[in-house]
Protein backbone atom coordinates (compact mmCIF):
# COMPACT_ATOMS: atom_id res chain seq x y z
CA MET A 1 -8.52 -0.15 -32.42
CA THR A 2 -6.46 1.38 -29.62
CA GLU A 3 -4.31 -0.72 -27.34
CA ILE A 4 -6.11 -1.68 -24.14
CA GLN A 5 -4.40 -0.38 -21.04
CA HIS A 6 -4.77 -2.32 -17.82
CA LEU A 7 -3.72 -1.13 -14.41
CA THR A 8 -0.11 -2.31 -14.46
CA LEU A 9 2.45 -1.94 -11.70
CA GLY A 10 6.08 -2.94 -11.74
CA ASN A 11 8.63 -3.92 -14.33
CA LYS A 12 7.23 -5.00 -17.72
CA ASP A 13 10.30 -7.25 -18.10
CA ALA A 14 9.88 -8.92 -14.68
CA ASN A 15 10.34 -12.68 -14.39
CA ILE A 16 6.96 -13.02 -12.70
CA THR A 17 3.65 -11.63 -13.91
CA VAL A 18 0.67 -11.68 -11.58
CA GLU A 19 -2.70 -11.02 -13.21
CA ALA A 20 -5.72 -10.45 -10.98
CA PHE A 21 -9.27 -10.42 -12.31
CA ILE A 22 -11.22 -8.60 -9.62
CA ASN A 23 -14.23 -6.38 -9.04
CA PHE A 24 -14.07 -3.45 -6.63
CA ALA A 25 -17.50 -4.24 -5.15
CA CYS A 26 -16.70 -7.91 -4.42
CA PRO A 27 -15.99 -8.64 -0.74
CA TYR A 28 -13.88 -11.71 -1.64
CA CYS A 29 -11.80 -9.53 -3.96
CA ALA A 30 -11.28 -7.14 -1.06
CA HIS A 31 -9.65 -9.96 0.94
CA TYR A 32 -7.48 -11.00 -1.98
CA PHE A 33 -6.51 -7.39 -2.73
CA ALA A 34 -5.51 -6.66 0.88
CA ALA A 35 -3.31 -9.77 0.92
CA ALA A 36 -1.76 -9.13 -2.49
CA ASP A 37 -1.23 -5.43 -1.84
CA GLU A 38 1.04 -6.21 1.09
CA VAL A 39 2.77 -9.31 -0.31
CA LEU A 40 3.45 -8.01 -3.82
CA GLU A 41 4.78 -4.56 -2.91
CA PRO A 42 8.41 -5.59 -2.22
CA TYR A 43 8.48 -7.76 -5.36
CA ILE A 44 7.08 -4.91 -7.45
CA ASN A 45 9.58 -2.48 -5.93
CA ASP A 46 12.60 -4.71 -6.62
CA GLY A 47 11.48 -5.28 -10.23
CA SER A 48 10.85 -9.01 -9.98
CA VAL A 49 7.04 -8.83 -10.37
CA GLN A 50 4.74 -7.10 -12.80
CA TYR A 51 1.23 -6.86 -11.35
CA VAL A 52 -1.66 -6.46 -13.75
CA ILE A 53 -5.08 -5.67 -12.28
CA LYS A 54 -8.04 -6.33 -14.56
CA HIS A 55 -11.43 -5.18 -13.36
CA PHE A 56 -14.05 -7.74 -14.42
CA ASP A 57 -17.36 -5.95 -14.92
CA LYS A 58 -19.87 -8.52 -13.68
CA THR A 59 -23.65 -8.27 -14.03
CA LYS A 60 -24.74 -9.08 -10.47
CA GLN A 61 -26.38 -5.99 -8.96
CA ARG A 62 -23.81 -5.52 -6.18
CA LEU A 63 -20.92 -6.01 -8.60
CA LEU A 64 -22.33 -3.50 -11.09
CA LYS A 65 -21.48 -0.84 -8.53
CA GLY A 66 -17.84 -1.88 -8.96
CA THR A 67 -18.27 -1.26 -12.67
CA VAL A 68 -19.52 2.26 -11.95
CA ALA A 69 -16.42 2.86 -9.83
CA ASN A 70 -14.10 1.36 -12.44
CA ILE A 71 -15.24 3.57 -15.33
CA HIS A 72 -14.01 6.59 -13.36
CA LEU A 73 -10.43 5.35 -12.89
CA ASP A 74 -7.57 6.77 -14.94
CA TYR A 75 -5.20 3.89 -15.65
CA ASN A 76 -2.64 6.35 -17.07
CA ASP A 77 -1.83 7.26 -13.46
CA PRO A 78 -1.32 3.84 -11.81
CA GLU A 79 -0.05 5.09 -8.44
CA GLU A 80 -3.00 7.44 -7.91
CA THR A 81 -5.42 4.82 -9.20
CA LEU A 82 -3.98 2.26 -6.78
CA LYS A 83 -4.60 4.70 -3.90
CA ILE A 84 -8.21 5.09 -5.02
CA ILE A 85 -8.67 1.31 -5.27
CA ARG A 86 -7.33 0.89 -1.74
CA HIS A 87 -9.80 3.52 -0.59
CA LEU A 88 -12.65 1.81 -2.46
CA TYR A 89 -11.90 -1.51 -0.80
CA ASP A 90 -11.52 0.12 2.64
CA THR A 91 -14.93 1.81 2.28
CA GLN A 92 -16.67 -0.92 0.26
CA GLU A 93 -19.57 -1.43 2.67
CA GLU A 94 -20.45 2.28 2.47
CA TRP A 95 -20.59 2.78 -1.29
CA THR A 96 -22.11 -0.55 -2.36
CA LEU A 97 -25.44 0.40 -0.77
CA ASN A 98 -26.88 1.88 -3.97
CA PHE A 99 -25.89 3.34 -7.32
CA GLU A 100 -26.42 6.95 -6.23
CA THR A 101 -23.86 6.52 -3.44
CA ILE A 102 -21.09 5.20 -5.69
CA GLU A 103 -21.77 7.81 -8.38
CA ARG A 104 -21.64 10.58 -5.77
CA LYS A 105 -18.47 9.14 -4.24
CA MET A 106 -16.62 8.94 -7.56
CA GLU A 107 -17.76 12.24 -9.07
CA TYR A 108 -18.07 14.53 -6.05
CA ASP A 109 -16.02 13.04 -3.21
CA LEU A 110 -13.10 11.92 -5.41
CA SER A 111 -13.60 14.48 -8.24
CA LEU A 112 -13.37 11.83 -10.96
CA SER A 113 -15.21 11.61 -14.25
CA PRO A 114 -15.94 8.63 -16.51
CA GLN A 115 -13.01 7.65 -18.73
CA LYS A 116 -13.51 7.36 -22.48
CA ASN A 117 -11.58 4.10 -22.82
CA ALA A 118 -13.46 2.26 -20.05
CA ASP A 119 -15.91 0.57 -22.44
CA ASP A 120 -13.18 -0.78 -24.73
CA ARG A 121 -11.23 -2.08 -21.73
CA SER A 122 -14.33 -3.75 -20.30
CA LEU A 123 -15.12 -5.47 -23.59
CA ALA A 124 -11.53 -6.67 -23.94
CA ILE A 125 -11.53 -8.09 -20.41
CA HIS A 126 -14.86 -9.83 -21.03
CA GLN A 127 -13.40 -11.40 -24.18
CA GLU A 128 -10.28 -12.46 -22.29
CA THR A 129 -12.26 -14.00 -19.43
CA PHE A 130 -14.34 -15.92 -21.96
CA GLU A 131 -11.24 -17.20 -23.77
CA ARG A 132 -9.53 -18.19 -20.52
CA GLY A 133 -12.64 -19.75 -18.99
CA ILE A 134 -12.81 -17.29 -16.09
CA LYS A 135 -16.25 -17.12 -14.52
CA GLY A 136 -15.71 -16.05 -10.94
CA ILE A 137 -13.75 -13.43 -9.10
CA PRO A 138 -11.21 -13.07 -7.78
CA THR A 139 -9.27 -15.16 -10.29
CA VAL A 140 -5.50 -14.81 -10.23
CA PHE A 141 -2.76 -16.10 -12.50
CA ILE A 142 0.96 -16.21 -11.79
CA ASN A 143 2.91 -16.57 -15.03
CA ASN A 144 -0.29 -17.78 -16.75
CA GLU A 145 -0.89 -20.52 -14.18
CA LYS A 146 -4.00 -20.24 -12.06
CA PHE A 147 -3.17 -19.35 -8.47
CA GLU A 148 -5.14 -21.70 -6.25
CA PHE A 149 -6.76 -20.29 -3.15
CA SER A 150 -10.26 -20.26 -1.72
CA PRO A 151 -11.69 -16.74 -1.85
CA THR A 152 -14.69 -17.78 0.25
CA GLU A 153 -12.72 -19.61 2.95
CA ASP A 154 -9.18 -18.21 3.08
CA ASP A 155 -8.59 -15.16 5.24
CA VAL A 156 -6.09 -12.45 4.35
CA ALA A 157 -3.22 -14.13 6.24
CA THR A 158 -3.82 -17.47 4.51
CA ILE A 159 -3.93 -15.83 1.07
CA GLN A 160 -0.70 -13.99 1.90
CA GLU A 161 1.01 -17.24 2.91
CA LYS A 162 -0.14 -19.03 -0.26
CA LEU A 163 0.84 -16.10 -2.46
CA LYS A 164 4.35 -15.86 -0.95
CA LYS A 165 4.83 -19.59 -1.43
CA ALA A 166 3.70 -19.41 -5.07
CA LEU A 167 6.04 -16.48 -5.80
CA GLU A 168 9.01 -18.23 -4.26
CA SER A 169 8.56 -21.55 -6.05
């Protein structure tokens, strides 16, 4: 079996590892991602944080559209993939309307095609979420400890404040 590649940013030898289990069609994940994107960037750039993004393919109809988006992403090019993810979250309300819209967006608007290793990665993440008891998204770990925040109640600024505090402790 081939090694599963996750979307990984930053130094693999960093003192802090942040793992985020998210879905690109989840509005709560969009709030978390916006907060983390801003807060983590300087830590990633200075080499103190490795950020691992793991797309959790969920079976709810809305979230399945995130799965369709995810299978098109090339994790061998993390910087370009990160730009696409930002775009997906910024335009989430547009492409989550139906499956035809997300397929058209990925294949025609963004000129992407399904990746061969997407199924293996999805299965590995499902296994990992089962083993770690992860049921909901977003779920975030900092150095294997669950990062506590309320995705349904915390706004972007509150998540940013909590994330900064957790990274500095």
